[in-house]
Amino acid sequence: MLIIKKTLLILCIILTSAGSFAQNNDSIVSSRQDSISRSAISYITRQFAITRPLNIEFSTVSPYNYTAKSDKGILAGGKMNGYSQIKANATFNFIKKRNWLLGTTLGYRYTNVDAHINEEPTANSNSIHDNFHYQYSSLNFTYFSKFLDRTTIYTTNLIVDGSEKHFERVKGLISGTMVLKANERTKIMAGLALYIDPSLQVPLIPTFTLEHRFNNGLMADIMFPSRVMLRKHFFNKARLSLGTELDRTAFYLYNINPNNNSQKYEYRQIVLNNGLVYEHLLGENFVLTARTGLKSIVIGRLFEKEESFGSPLIKVSQDPSFYFNIGISFNPFSKVNK
């Protein structure tokens, strides 16, 4: 029973970690493109908030019920009573050339949880309250070129992540994105992303981006597989969006197997955040973002670190819950829409 209790404790922790709502939308501002370097930096900044020089967020969710299962049946259920998370990341481009960039990203996440566990089949109950940490860093290289006479952006990321105790994994990401169409109303891009991570079953993913401005002022923003949003600018410095964003969270876990305390585990989950996003430009370069809506786990799995994500020890499901996220990011390439 000891291993079950410790495992359930960890599950409570990781179930609340879905609130990693990165500010990955383009900002409510537009960019002046006076060179290929500035245009490329602006594009990457708009599409990937991790590349912004500074991003800080706070998130919380409403209480919800959850269930943990294995191949042998239900292990436990319970209720998540409280959750809060602080996330911060900073990116520095220390070499900037006309056709390429080299930089680094540092990130940290702090999670506080309060949960109630009902064990199966004994019906014993426990309460958990604790704090947890996650950190990562990456070396980022971006190159801008022409392929088939079209602008193409190549990115390479070398990523190291872990907990407050250890660095655990070295991973990589290689992607190429081709600009198929770009004018004042419509931008279309397509590409491929290759994840270098032995725990993944499907490392190659197609990517697609569509941004279209309608005559009534609405804008469709689709970035597969990350988001589908419908946006509207107003008051010159504000924007309201409605849609769905895909989010991913991972934690490394220790000391949950009394027969082998050196065994390490990892939990990963994919989450859908459905709702509203409000963004407001503060001054020239700071963007305040608030999100709220309904959150649900699409996939949640606990597995041994040396094994594949496709061979989980435990699968997790939860009832939908309401979430709220507020954050501020710094974007030096922002200009107010006029």
C-alpha atoms as a PDB file:
ATOM      1  CA  MET A   1       0.000   0.000   0.000  1.00  0.00           C
ATOM      2  CA  LEU A   2       2.937   2.342   0.563  1.00  0.00           C
ATOM      3  CA  ILE A   3       3.771   2.527  -3.133  1.00  0.00           C
ATOM      4  CA  ILE A   4       0.108   3.163  -3.961  1.00  0.00           C
ATOM      5  CA  LYS A   5      -0.141   5.984  -1.407  1.00  0.00           C
ATOM      6  CA  LYS A   6       3.036   7.657  -2.640  1.00  0.00           C
ATOM      7  CA  THR A   7       1.967   7.268  -6.237  1.00  0.00           C
ATOM      8  CA  LEU A   8      -1.408   8.832  -5.503  1.00  0.00           C
ATOM      9  CA  LEU A   9       0.289  11.712  -3.731  1.00  0.00           C
ATOM     10  CA  ILE A  10       2.346  12.409  -6.811  1.00  0.00           C
ATOM     11  CA  LEU A  11      -0.715  12.119  -9.032  1.00  0.00           C
ATOM     12  CA  CYS A  12      -2.442  14.827  -7.032  1.00  0.00           C
ATOM     13  CA  ILE A  13       0.533  17.067  -7.569  1.00  0.00           C
ATOM     14  CA  ILE A  14       0.734  16.546 -11.279  1.00  0.00           C
ATOM     15  CA  LEU A  15      -2.968  16.740 -11.907  1.00  0.00           C
ATOM     16  CA  THR A  16      -2.856  20.386 -10.900  1.00  0.00           C
ATOM     17  CA  SER A  17       0.028  21.248 -13.178  1.00  0.00           C
ATOM     18  CA  ALA A  18      -2.071  21.858 -16.248  1.00  0.00           C
ATOM     19  CA  GLY A  19      -2.060  25.601 -15.775  1.00  0.00           C
ATOM     20  CA  SER A  20       1.004  26.262 -17.892  1.00  0.00           C
ATOM     21  CA  PHE A  21      -0.791  28.729 -20.139  1.00  0.00           C
ATOM     22  CA  ALA A  22       2.145  30.189 -22.051  1.00  0.00           C
ATOM     23  CA  GLN A  23       1.427  33.530 -23.671  1.00  0.00           C
ATOM     24  CA  ASN A  24       2.012  32.070 -27.106  1.00  0.00           C
ATOM     25  CA  ASN A  25      -0.318  34.299 -29.056  1.00  0.00           C
ATOM     26  CA  ASP A  26       0.941  37.172 -31.102  1.00  0.00           C
ATOM     27  CA  SER A  27       0.741  40.369 -29.130  1.00  0.00           C
ATOM     28  CA  ILE A  28      -1.928  43.003 -29.630  1.00  0.00           C
ATOM     29  CA  VAL A  29       0.591  45.027 -31.563  1.00  0.00           C
ATOM     30  CA  SER A  30       2.192  45.064 -34.978  1.00  0.00           C
ATOM     31  CA  SER A  31       5.883  45.315 -35.948  1.00  0.00           C
ATOM     32  CA  ARG A  32       7.813  47.568 -38.292  1.00  0.00           C
ATOM     33  CA  GLN A  33       9.935  45.346 -40.527  1.00  0.00           C
ATOM     34  CA  ASP A  34      12.900  47.414 -41.590  1.00  0.00           C
ATOM     35  CA  SER A  35      15.260  44.446 -42.092  1.00  0.00           C
ATOM     36  CA  ILE A  36      15.130  40.667 -42.449  1.00  0.00           C
ATOM     37  CA  SER A  37      16.541  40.284 -38.928  1.00  0.00           C
ATOM     38  CA  ARG A  38      13.939  42.558 -37.345  1.00  0.00           C
ATOM     39  CA  SER A  39      11.127  40.954 -39.338  1.00  0.00           C
ATOM     40  CA  ALA A  40      12.221  37.462 -38.356  1.00  0.00           C
ATOM     41  CA  ILE A  41      12.650  38.346 -34.680  1.00  0.00           C
ATOM     42  CA  SER A  42       9.202  39.938 -34.703  1.00  0.00           C
ATOM     43  CA  TYR A  43       7.628  36.869 -36.325  1.00  0.00           C
ATOM     44  CA  ILE A  44       9.156  34.472 -33.813  1.00  0.00           C
ATOM     45  CA  THR A  45       8.208  36.758 -30.931  1.00  0.00           C
ATOM     46  CA  ARG A  46       4.600  36.866 -32.103  1.00  0.00           C
ATOM     47  CA  GLN A  47       4.314  33.110 -32.538  1.00  0.00           C
ATOM     48  CA  PHE A  48       6.296  31.817 -29.559  1.00  0.00           C
ATOM     49  CA  ALA A  49       6.074  33.678 -26.243  1.00  0.00           C
ATOM     50  CA  ILE A  50       9.017  31.660 -24.937  1.00  0.00           C
ATOM     51  CA  THR A  51      11.211  33.845 -27.162  1.00  0.00           C
ATOM     52  CA  ARG A  52      10.053  37.058 -25.515  1.00  0.00           C
ATOM     53  CA  PRO A  53      12.721  38.545 -23.249  1.00  0.00           C
ATOM     54  CA  LEU A  54      10.524  38.192 -20.155  1.00  0.00           C
ATOM     55  CA  ASN A  55       7.260  36.381 -19.384  1.00  0.00           C
ATOM     56  CA  ILE A  56       5.658  35.936 -15.927  1.00  0.00           C
ATOM     57  CA  GLU A  57       2.315  34.229 -15.210  1.00  0.00           C
ATOM     58  CA  PHE A  58       0.079  33.244 -12.308  1.00  0.00           C
ATOM     59  CA  SER A  59      -2.676  30.632 -12.729  1.00  0.00           C
ATOM     60  CA  THR A  60      -5.296  28.836 -10.664  1.00  0.00           C
ATOM     61  CA  VAL A  61      -8.151  26.366 -11.267  1.00  0.00           C
ATOM     62  CA  SER A  62     -11.472  25.611  -9.590  1.00  0.00           C
ATOM     63  CA  PRO A  63     -11.867  22.371  -7.551  1.00  0.00           C
ATOM     64  CA  TYR A  64     -12.447  19.250  -9.622  1.00  0.00           C
ATOM     65  CA  ASN A  65     -12.736  15.456  -9.303  1.00  0.00           C
ATOM     66  CA  TYR A  66     -10.186  13.108 -10.849  1.00  0.00           C
ATOM     67  CA  THR A  67      -9.561   9.376 -11.391  1.00  0.00           C
ATOM     68  CA  ALA A  68      -6.281   7.420 -11.651  1.00  0.00           C
ATOM     69  CA  LYS A  69      -6.302   4.087 -13.530  1.00  0.00           C
ATOM     70  CA  SER A  70      -3.857   1.332 -14.439  1.00  0.00           C
ATOM     71  CA  ASP A  71      -4.224  -1.724 -16.657  1.00  0.00           C
ATOM     72  CA  LYS A  72      -5.614  -3.526 -13.589  1.00  0.00           C
ATOM     73  CA  GLY A  73      -8.399  -1.014 -12.981  1.00  0.00           C
ATOM     74  CA  ILE A  74      -9.067   2.109 -10.912  1.00  0.00           C
ATOM     75  CA  LEU A  75      -6.386   2.896  -8.316  1.00  0.00           C
ATOM     76  CA  ALA A  76      -7.919   5.975  -6.743  1.00  0.00           C
ATOM     77  CA  GLY A  77     -10.156   8.960  -7.114  1.00  0.00           C
ATOM     78  CA  GLY A  78     -10.421  12.193  -5.266  1.00  0.00           C
ATOM     79  CA  LYS A  79     -10.873  15.927  -5.404  1.00  0.00           C
ATOM     80  CA  MET A  80      -8.421  18.680  -6.144  1.00  0.00           C
ATOM     81  CA  ASN A  81      -9.381  21.416  -3.679  1.00  0.00           C
ATOM     82  CA  GLY A  82      -6.786  24.070  -4.443  1.00  0.00           C
ATOM     83  CA  TYR A  83      -4.125  24.871  -6.981  1.00  0.00           C
ATOM     84  CA  SER A  84      -1.889  27.819  -7.816  1.00  0.00           C
ATOM     85  CA  GLN A  85       1.138  28.154 -10.039  1.00  0.00           C
ATOM     86  CA  ILE A  86       3.734  30.779 -10.867  1.00  0.00           C
ATOM     87  CA  LYS A  87       5.637  30.477 -14.112  1.00  0.00           C
ATOM     88  CA  ALA A  88       8.504  32.620 -15.387  1.00  0.00           C
ATOM     89  CA  ASN A  89      10.843  32.456 -18.353  1.00  0.00           C
ATOM     90  CA  ALA A  90      13.439  34.756 -19.885  1.00  0.00           C
ATOM     91  CA  THR A  91      15.099  34.674 -23.304  1.00  0.00           C
ATOM     92  CA  PHE A  92      18.287  36.390 -24.413  1.00  0.00           C
ATOM     93  CA  ASN A  93      19.564  36.599 -27.987  1.00  0.00           C
ATOM     94  CA  PHE A  94      23.276  37.190 -27.459  1.00  0.00           C
ATOM     95  CA  ILE A  95      24.225  37.045 -31.161  1.00  0.00           C
ATOM     96  CA  LYS A  96      22.053  38.766 -33.787  1.00  0.00           C
ATOM     97  CA  LYS A  97      23.017  38.673 -37.442  1.00  0.00           C
ATOM     98  CA  ARG A  98      21.107  39.576 -40.575  1.00  0.00           C
ATOM     99  CA  ASN A  99      20.195  35.953 -41.341  1.00  0.00           C
ATOM    100  CA  TRP A 100      20.482  34.171 -38.005  1.00  0.00           C
ATOM    101  CA  LEU A 101      20.074  34.412 -34.241  1.00  0.00           C
ATOM    102  CA  LEU A 102      21.679  32.572 -31.329  1.00  0.00           C
ATOM    103  CA  GLY A 103      20.217  32.789 -27.841  1.00  0.00           C
ATOM    104  CA  THR A 104      19.158  30.994 -24.687  1.00  0.00           C
ATOM    105  CA  THR A 105      15.959  30.514 -22.685  1.00  0.00           C
ATOM    106  CA  LEU A 106      15.694  29.932 -18.927  1.00  0.00           C
ATOM    107  CA  GLY A 107      12.437  28.863 -17.295  1.00  0.00           C
ATOM    108  CA  TYR A 108      11.058  28.036 -13.854  1.00  0.00           C
ATOM    109  CA  ARG A 109       7.680  26.856 -12.532  1.00  0.00           C
ATOM    110  CA  TYR A 110       6.446  26.790  -8.922  1.00  0.00           C
ATOM    111  CA  THR A 111       3.311  24.801  -8.037  1.00  0.00           C
ATOM    112  CA  ASN A 112       1.267  24.761  -4.816  1.00  0.00           C
ATOM    113  CA  VAL A 113      -1.447  22.082  -4.393  1.00  0.00           C
ATOM    114  CA  ASP A 114      -4.114  21.049  -1.900  1.00  0.00           C
ATOM    115  CA  ALA A 115      -5.811  17.708  -2.666  1.00  0.00           C
ATOM    116  CA  HIS A 116      -7.956  14.967  -1.142  1.00  0.00           C
ATOM    117  CA  ILE A 117      -7.331  11.302  -2.086  1.00  0.00           C
ATOM    118  CA  ASN A 118      -9.723   8.334  -1.807  1.00  0.00           C
ATOM    119  CA  GLU A 119      -7.828   5.054  -2.248  1.00  0.00           C
ATOM    120  CA  GLU A 120      -9.298   1.995  -3.950  1.00  0.00           C
ATOM    121  CA  PRO A 121     -10.310  -0.587  -2.856  1.00  0.00           C
ATOM    122  CA  THR A 122      -9.718   0.295   0.836  1.00  0.00           C
ATOM    123  CA  ALA A 123     -11.595   3.638   0.712  1.00  0.00           C
ATOM    124  CA  ASN A 124      -8.880   5.196   2.895  1.00  0.00           C
ATOM    125  CA  SER A 125      -8.565   8.956   2.486  1.00  0.00           C
ATOM    126  CA  ASN A 126      -5.635  11.355   2.747  1.00  0.00           C
ATOM    127  CA  SER A 127      -5.122  15.084   2.382  1.00  0.00           C
ATOM    128  CA  ILE A 128      -2.089  16.517   0.629  1.00  0.00           C
ATOM    129  CA  HIS A 129      -0.661  20.042   0.695  1.00  0.00           C
ATOM    130  CA  ASP A 130       2.759  20.726  -0.773  1.00  0.00           C
ATOM    131  CA  ASN A 131       4.948  22.822  -3.099  1.00  0.00           C
ATOM    132  CA  PHE A 132       6.915  21.638  -6.155  1.00  0.00           C
ATOM    133  CA  HIS A 133       9.449  22.993  -8.633  1.00  0.00           C
ATOM    134  CA  TYR A 134      10.350  22.492 -12.302  1.00  0.00           C
ATOM    135  CA  GLN A 135      13.081  24.144 -14.378  1.00  0.00           C
ATOM    136  CA  TYR A 136      14.410  24.089 -17.928  1.00  0.00           C
ATOM    137  CA  SER A 137      16.932  25.820 -20.178  1.00  0.00           C
ATOM    138  CA  SER A 138      17.590  25.777 -23.901  1.00  0.00           C
ATOM    139  CA  LEU A 139      20.090  26.951 -26.496  1.00  0.00           C
ATOM    140  CA  ASN A 140      18.217  28.374 -29.491  1.00  0.00           C
ATOM    141  CA  PHE A 141      19.473  28.837 -33.054  1.00  0.00           C
ATOM    142  CA  THR A 142      17.320  30.378 -35.794  1.00  0.00           C
ATOM    143  CA  TYR A 143      18.256  30.767 -39.454  1.00  0.00           C
ATOM    144  CA  PHE A 144      16.361  32.671 -42.168  1.00  0.00           C
ATOM    145  CA  SER A 145      16.741  31.669 -45.783  1.00  0.00           C
ATOM    146  CA  LYS A 146      15.032  30.986 -49.113  1.00  0.00           C
ATOM    147  CA  PHE A 147      13.773  27.553 -50.194  1.00  0.00           C
ATOM    148  CA  LEU A 148      11.979  27.114 -53.533  1.00  0.00           C
ATOM    149  CA  ASP A 149      12.103  30.900 -53.744  1.00  0.00           C
ATOM    150  CA  ARG A 150      10.053  31.271 -50.551  1.00  0.00           C
ATOM    151  CA  THR A 151      11.090  32.669 -47.188  1.00  0.00           C
ATOM    152  CA  THR A 152      11.830  29.787 -44.800  1.00  0.00           C
ATOM    153  CA  ILE A 153      12.657  29.882 -41.092  1.00  0.00           C
ATOM    154  CA  TYR A 154      14.738  27.068 -39.579  1.00  0.00           C
ATOM    155  CA  THR A 155      14.981  26.621 -35.806  1.00  0.00           C
ATOM    156  CA  THR A 156      17.049  24.312 -33.621  1.00  0.00           C
ATOM    157  CA  ASN A 157      16.610  24.045 -29.839  1.00  0.00           C
ATOM    158  CA  LEU A 158      18.803  22.049 -27.454  1.00  0.00           C
ATOM    159  CA  ILE A 159      16.790  21.651 -24.238  1.00  0.00           C
ATOM    160  CA  VAL A 160      17.737  20.483 -20.741  1.00  0.00           C
ATOM    161  CA  ASP A 161      15.028  20.158 -18.079  1.00  0.00           C
ATOM    162  CA  GLY A 162      14.577  18.732 -14.602  1.00  0.00           C
ATOM    163  CA  SER A 163      13.463  19.451 -11.045  1.00  0.00           C
ATOM    164  CA  GLU A 164      14.968  21.323  -8.108  1.00  0.00           C
ATOM    165  CA  LYS A 165      16.964  18.141  -7.386  1.00  0.00           C
ATOM    166  CA  HIS A 166      18.463  17.150 -10.742  1.00  0.00           C
ATOM    167  CA  PHE A 167      18.671  17.907 -14.422  1.00  0.00           C
ATOM    168  CA  GLU A 168      16.962  14.904 -16.022  1.00  0.00           C
ATOM    169  CA  ARG A 169      16.645  15.018 -19.812  1.00  0.00           C
ATOM    170  CA  VAL A 170      18.481  16.438 -22.789  1.00  0.00           C
ATOM    171  CA  LYS A 171      16.076  16.894 -25.687  1.00  0.00           C
ATOM    172  CA  GLY A 172      16.065  18.593 -29.051  1.00  0.00           C
ATOM    173  CA  LEU A 173      13.681  20.274 -31.464  1.00  0.00           C
ATOM    174  CA  ILE A 174      14.328  20.950 -35.148  1.00  0.00           C
ATOM    175  CA  SER A 175      11.750  22.735 -37.276  1.00  0.00           C
ATOM    176  CA  GLY A 176      11.355  24.351 -40.646  1.00  0.00           C
ATOM    177  CA  THR A 177       8.562  26.765 -41.564  1.00  0.00           C
ATOM    178  CA  MET A 178       7.912  28.064 -45.086  1.00  0.00           C
ATOM    179  CA  VAL A 179       5.964  31.270 -45.744  1.00  0.00           C
ATOM    180  CA  LEU A 180       3.413  30.353 -48.438  1.00  0.00           C
ATOM    181  CA  LYS A 181       1.544  33.650 -48.490  1.00  0.00           C
ATOM    182  CA  ALA A 182       2.019  36.958 -46.713  1.00  0.00           C
ATOM    183  CA  ASN A 183       0.109  40.184 -47.272  1.00  0.00           C
ATOM    184  CA  GLU A 184      -1.776  42.683 -45.110  1.00  0.00           C
ATOM    185  CA  ARG A 185      -4.839  40.413 -44.759  1.00  0.00           C
ATOM    186  CA  THR A 186      -3.579  36.837 -44.962  1.00  0.00           C
ATOM    187  CA  LYS A 187      -0.511  34.934 -43.800  1.00  0.00           C
ATOM    188  CA  ILE A 188      -0.129  31.210 -44.480  1.00  0.00           C
ATOM    189  CA  MET A 189       2.821  29.091 -43.335  1.00  0.00           C
ATOM    190  CA  ALA A 190       3.488  25.358 -43.264  1.00  0.00           C
ATOM    191  CA  GLY A 191       6.321  23.174 -42.039  1.00  0.00           C
ATOM    192  CA  LEU A 192       7.548  20.221 -40.012  1.00  0.00           C
ATOM    193  CA  ALA A 193       8.767  19.888 -36.414  1.00  0.00           C
ATOM    194  CA  LEU A 194      11.034  17.014 -35.326  1.00  0.00           C
ATOM    195  CA  TYR A 195      11.251  16.294 -31.578  1.00  0.00           C
ATOM    196  CA  ILE A 196      14.414  14.464 -30.521  1.00  0.00           C
ATOM    197  CA  ASP A 197      13.175  12.632 -27.433  1.00  0.00           C
ATOM    198  CA  PRO A 198      13.315   8.811 -27.147  1.00  0.00           C
ATOM    199  CA  SER A 199      10.197   8.766 -24.960  1.00  0.00           C
ATOM    200  CA  LEU A 200       7.990  10.067 -27.784  1.00  0.00           C
ATOM    201  CA  GLN A 201       6.125   7.701 -30.090  1.00  0.00           C
ATOM    202  CA  VAL A 202       5.444  10.234 -32.854  1.00  0.00           C
ATOM    203  CA  PRO A 203       8.419  12.624 -32.995  1.00  0.00           C
ATOM    204  CA  LEU A 204       7.576  14.215 -36.391  1.00  0.00           C
ATOM    205  CA  ILE A 205       4.627  16.646 -36.464  1.00  0.00           C
ATOM    206  CA  PRO A 206       3.352  18.778 -39.358  1.00  0.00           C
ATOM    207  CA  THR A 207       2.762  22.447 -38.550  1.00  0.00           C
ATOM    208  CA  PHE A 208       0.389  24.924 -40.168  1.00  0.00           C
ATOM    209  CA  THR A 209      -0.307  28.593 -39.505  1.00  0.00           C
ATOM    210  CA  LEU A 210      -3.135  30.708 -40.902  1.00  0.00           C
ATOM    211  CA  GLU A 211      -3.797  34.312 -39.981  1.00  0.00           C
ATOM    212  CA  HIS A 212      -6.610  36.081 -41.848  1.00  0.00           C
ATOM    213  CA  ARG A 213      -8.176  39.479 -41.214  1.00  0.00           C
ATOM    214  CA  PHE A 214     -11.846  39.837 -42.162  1.00  0.00           C
ATOM    215  CA  ASN A 215     -13.500  43.061 -43.334  1.00  0.00           C
ATOM    216  CA  ASN A 216     -15.494  43.344 -40.084  1.00  0.00           C
ATOM    217  CA  GLY A 217     -12.316  43.598 -38.001  1.00  0.00           C
ATOM    218  CA  LEU A 218     -12.248  39.992 -36.803  1.00  0.00           C
ATOM    219  CA  MET A 219      -9.118  37.919 -37.268  1.00  0.00           C
ATOM    220  CA  ALA A 220      -8.817  34.128 -37.515  1.00  0.00           C
ATOM    221  CA  ASP A 221      -5.618  32.798 -35.928  1.00  0.00           C
ATOM    222  CA  ILE A 222      -4.908  29.095 -36.455  1.00  0.00           C
ATOM    223  CA  MET A 223      -1.604  27.525 -35.486  1.00  0.00           C
ATOM    224  CA  PHE A 224      -1.731  23.737 -35.708  1.00  0.00           C
ATOM    225  CA  PRO A 225      -1.403  21.949 -33.341  1.00  0.00           C
ATOM    226  CA  SER A 226      -1.291  24.760 -30.768  1.00  0.00           C
ATOM    227  CA  ARG A 227      -4.440  26.865 -31.106  1.00  0.00           C
ATOM    228  CA  VAL A 228      -7.582  27.924 -32.967  1.00  0.00           C
ATOM    229  CA  MET A 229      -8.642  31.478 -32.078  1.00  0.00           C
ATOM    230  CA  LEU A 230     -10.951  34.237 -33.308  1.00  0.00           C
ATOM    231  CA  ARG A 231      -9.660  37.680 -32.332  1.00  0.00           C
ATOM    232  CA  LYS A 232     -10.941  41.251 -32.241  1.00  0.00           C
ATOM    233  CA  HIS A 233      -8.933  44.440 -31.625  1.00  0.00           C
ATOM    234  CA  PHE A 234     -10.580  47.357 -29.829  1.00  0.00           C
ATOM    235  CA  PHE A 235      -9.690  50.574 -27.970  1.00  0.00           C
ATOM    236  CA  ASN A 236      -6.435  50.657 -29.977  1.00  0.00           C
ATOM    237  CA  LYS A 237      -4.446  48.906 -27.219  1.00  0.00           C
ATOM    238  CA  ALA A 238      -6.629  45.891 -26.434  1.00  0.00           C
ATOM    239  CA  ARG A 239      -7.652  42.580 -27.984  1.00  0.00           C
ATOM    240  CA  LEU A 240     -10.226  39.923 -27.059  1.00  0.00           C
ATOM    241  CA  SER A 241      -9.934  36.337 -28.335  1.00  0.00           C
ATOM    242  CA  LEU A 242     -12.206  33.289 -28.214  1.00  0.00           C
ATOM    243  CA  GLY A 243     -11.078  29.748 -28.924  1.00  0.00           C
ATOM    244  CA  THR A 244      -9.021  26.751 -27.878  1.00  0.00           C
ATOM    245  CA  GLU A 245      -5.354  26.419 -26.893  1.00  0.00           C
ATOM    246  CA  LEU A 246      -3.388  23.200 -26.470  1.00  0.00           C
ATOM    247  CA  ASP A 247      -1.039  23.072 -23.485  1.00  0.00           C
ATOM    248  CA  ARG A 248       1.511  20.536 -22.253  1.00  0.00           C
ATOM    249  CA  THR A 249       2.939  19.969 -18.754  1.00  0.00           C
ATOM    250  CA  ALA A 250       5.608  17.554 -17.471  1.00  0.00           C
ATOM    251  CA  PHE A 251       7.132  16.709 -14.050  1.00  0.00           C
ATOM    252  CA  TYR A 252       9.871  14.376 -12.824  1.00  0.00           C
ATOM    253  CA  LEU A 253       9.017  12.254  -9.781  1.00  0.00           C
ATOM    254  CA  TYR A 254      11.191  10.550  -7.127  1.00  0.00           C
ATOM    255  CA  ASN A 255      10.933   8.085  -4.220  1.00  0.00           C
ATOM    256  CA  ILE A 256       7.527   6.650  -5.086  1.00  0.00           C
ATOM    257  CA  ASN A 257       8.744   3.054  -5.377  1.00  0.00           C
ATOM    258  CA  PRO A 258       9.902   1.693  -1.961  1.00  0.00           C
ATOM    259  CA  ASN A 259      11.504  -1.295  -3.680  1.00  0.00           C
ATOM    260  CA  ASN A 260      13.731   0.947  -5.794  1.00  0.00           C
ATOM    261  CA  ASN A 261      14.196   4.483  -4.494  1.00  0.00           C
ATOM    262  CA  SER A 262      16.598   5.310  -7.322  1.00  0.00           C
ATOM    263  CA  GLN A 263      13.902   4.773  -9.959  1.00  0.00           C
ATOM    264  CA  LYS A 264      12.756   8.026 -11.571  1.00  0.00           C
ATOM    265  CA  TYR A 265       9.379   8.701 -13.133  1.00  0.00           C
ATOM    266  CA  GLU A 266       7.879  11.315 -15.389  1.00  0.00           C
ATOM    267  CA  TYR A 267       4.334  12.558 -15.760  1.00  0.00           C
ATOM    268  CA  ARG A 268       3.143  14.273 -18.924  1.00  0.00           C
ATOM    269  CA  GLN A 269      -0.242  15.604 -19.811  1.00  0.00           C
ATOM    270  CA  ILE A 270      -1.851  17.400 -22.719  1.00  0.00           C
ATOM    271  CA  VAL A 271      -4.575  19.881 -21.830  1.00  0.00           C
ATOM    272  CA  LEU A 272      -7.219  21.801 -23.779  1.00  0.00           C
ATOM    273  CA  ASN A 273      -7.939  25.329 -22.538  1.00  0.00           C
ATOM    274  CA  ASN A 274     -11.219  26.613 -23.999  1.00  0.00           C
ATOM    275  CA  GLY A 275     -12.302  30.163 -23.342  1.00  0.00           C
ATOM    276  CA  LEU A 276     -11.516  33.856 -23.542  1.00  0.00           C
ATOM    277  CA  VAL A 277      -8.189  35.688 -23.727  1.00  0.00           C
ATOM    278  CA  TYR A 278      -7.905  39.429 -23.040  1.00  0.00           C
ATOM    279  CA  GLU A 279      -4.696  41.282 -23.903  1.00  0.00           C
ATOM    280  CA  HIS A 280      -3.837  44.900 -23.177  1.00  0.00           C
ATOM    281  CA  LEU A 281      -0.767  46.879 -24.173  1.00  0.00           C
ATOM    282  CA  LEU A 282       0.838  48.723 -21.250  1.00  0.00           C
ATOM    283  CA  GLY A 283       3.021  51.558 -22.459  1.00  0.00           C
ATOM    284  CA  GLU A 284       5.027  50.626 -25.548  1.00  0.00           C
ATOM    285  CA  ASN A 285       6.395  47.159 -24.806  1.00  0.00           C
ATOM    286  CA  PHE A 286       4.537  45.358 -21.990  1.00  0.00           C
ATOM    287  CA  VAL A 287       1.516  43.133 -22.668  1.00  0.00           C
ATOM    288  CA  LEU A 288      -0.924  42.205 -19.879  1.00  0.00           C
ATOM    289  CA  THR A 289      -2.798  38.947 -20.607  1.00  0.00           C
ATOM    290  CA  ALA A 290      -5.766  37.405 -18.772  1.00  0.00           C
ATOM    291  CA  ARG A 291      -7.322  34.020 -19.608  1.00  0.00           C
ATOM    292  CA  THR A 292     -10.387  32.224 -18.319  1.00  0.00           C
ATOM    293  CA  GLY A 293     -12.579  29.328 -19.410  1.00  0.00           C
ATOM    294  CA  LEU A 294     -12.854  25.568 -19.186  1.00  0.00           C
ATOM    295  CA  LYS A 295      -9.859  23.224 -18.892  1.00  0.00           C
ATOM    296  CA  SER A 296      -9.752  19.478 -19.489  1.00  0.00           C
ATOM    297  CA  ILE A 297      -7.021  16.839 -19.735  1.00  0.00           C
ATOM    298  CA  VAL A 298      -6.796  15.126 -23.123  1.00  0.00           C
ATOM    299  CA  ILE A 299      -3.987  12.734 -22.140  1.00  0.00           C
ATOM    300  CA  GLY A 300      -2.338  12.265 -18.731  1.00  0.00           C
ATOM    301  CA  ARG A 301       0.221   9.523 -18.147  1.00  0.00           C
ATOM    302  CA  LEU A 302       2.769   8.489 -15.517  1.00  0.00           C
ATOM    303  CA  PHE A 303       5.663   6.359 -16.824  1.00  0.00           C
ATOM    304  CA  GLU A 304       9.177   5.313 -15.894  1.00  0.00           C
ATOM    305  CA  LYS A 305      11.724   7.785 -17.150  1.00  0.00           C
ATOM    306  CA  GLU A 306      13.571   5.134 -19.154  1.00  0.00           C
ATOM    307  CA  GLU A 307      10.364   3.919 -20.803  1.00  0.00           C
ATOM    308  CA  SER A 308       8.140   5.377 -23.508  1.00  0.00           C
ATOM    309  CA  PHE A 309       5.234   7.760 -23.051  1.00  0.00           C
ATOM    310  CA  GLY A 310       3.232   5.043 -24.819  1.00  0.00           C
ATOM    311  CA  SER A 311       3.857   2.550 -21.989  1.00  0.00           C
ATOM    312  CA  PRO A 312       2.337   4.279 -18.951  1.00  0.00           C
ATOM    313  CA  LEU A 313       2.027   2.866 -15.454  1.00  0.00           C
ATOM    314  CA  ILE A 314      -0.984   5.062 -14.693  1.00  0.00           C
ATOM    315  CA  LYS A 315      -3.459   7.004 -16.820  1.00  0.00           C
ATOM    316  CA  VAL A 316      -5.222  10.043 -15.384  1.00  0.00           C
ATOM    317  CA  SER A 317      -8.574  11.623 -16.214  1.00  0.00           C
ATOM    318  CA  GLN A 318     -10.434  14.523 -14.621  1.00  0.00           C
ATOM    319  CA  ASP A 319     -13.684  16.417 -14.765  1.00  0.00           C
ATOM    320  CA  PRO A 320     -13.527  19.746 -16.632  1.00  0.00           C
ATOM    321  CA  SER A 321     -12.676  22.708 -14.415  1.00  0.00           C
ATOM    322  CA  PHE A 322     -12.599  26.486 -14.706  1.00  0.00           C
ATOM    323  CA  TYR A 323      -9.217  28.181 -14.929  1.00  0.00           C
ATOM    324  CA  PHE A 324      -7.916  31.701 -14.574  1.00  0.00           C
ATOM    325  CA  ASN A 325      -4.505  32.902 -15.690  1.00  0.00           C
ATOM    326  CA  ILE A 326      -2.946  36.348 -15.626  1.00  0.00           C
ATOM    327  CA  GLY A 327       0.479  37.271 -16.930  1.00  0.00           C
ATOM    328  CA  ILE A 328       2.697  40.041 -18.193  1.00  0.00           C
ATOM    329  CA  SER A 329       5.322  39.824 -20.916  1.00  0.00           C
ATOM    330  CA  PHE A 330       7.903  42.208 -22.333  1.00  0.00           C
ATOM    331  CA  ASN A 331       8.186  42.553 -26.115  1.00  0.00           C
ATOM    332  CA  PRO A 332      10.694  45.166 -27.362  1.00  0.00           C
ATOM    333  CA  PHE A 333       9.375  44.901 -30.934  1.00  0.00           C
ATOM    334  CA  SER A 334       5.850  46.069 -30.105  1.00  0.00           C
ATOM    335  CA  LYS A 335       4.155  49.004 -31.798  1.00  0.00           C
ATOM    336  CA  VAL A 336       0.599  50.140 -31.156  1.00  0.00           C
ATOM    337  CA  ASN A 337      -1.946  49.282 -33.856  1.00  0.00           C
ATOM    338  CA  LYS A 338      -3.286  52.353 -35.589  1.00  0.00           C
END
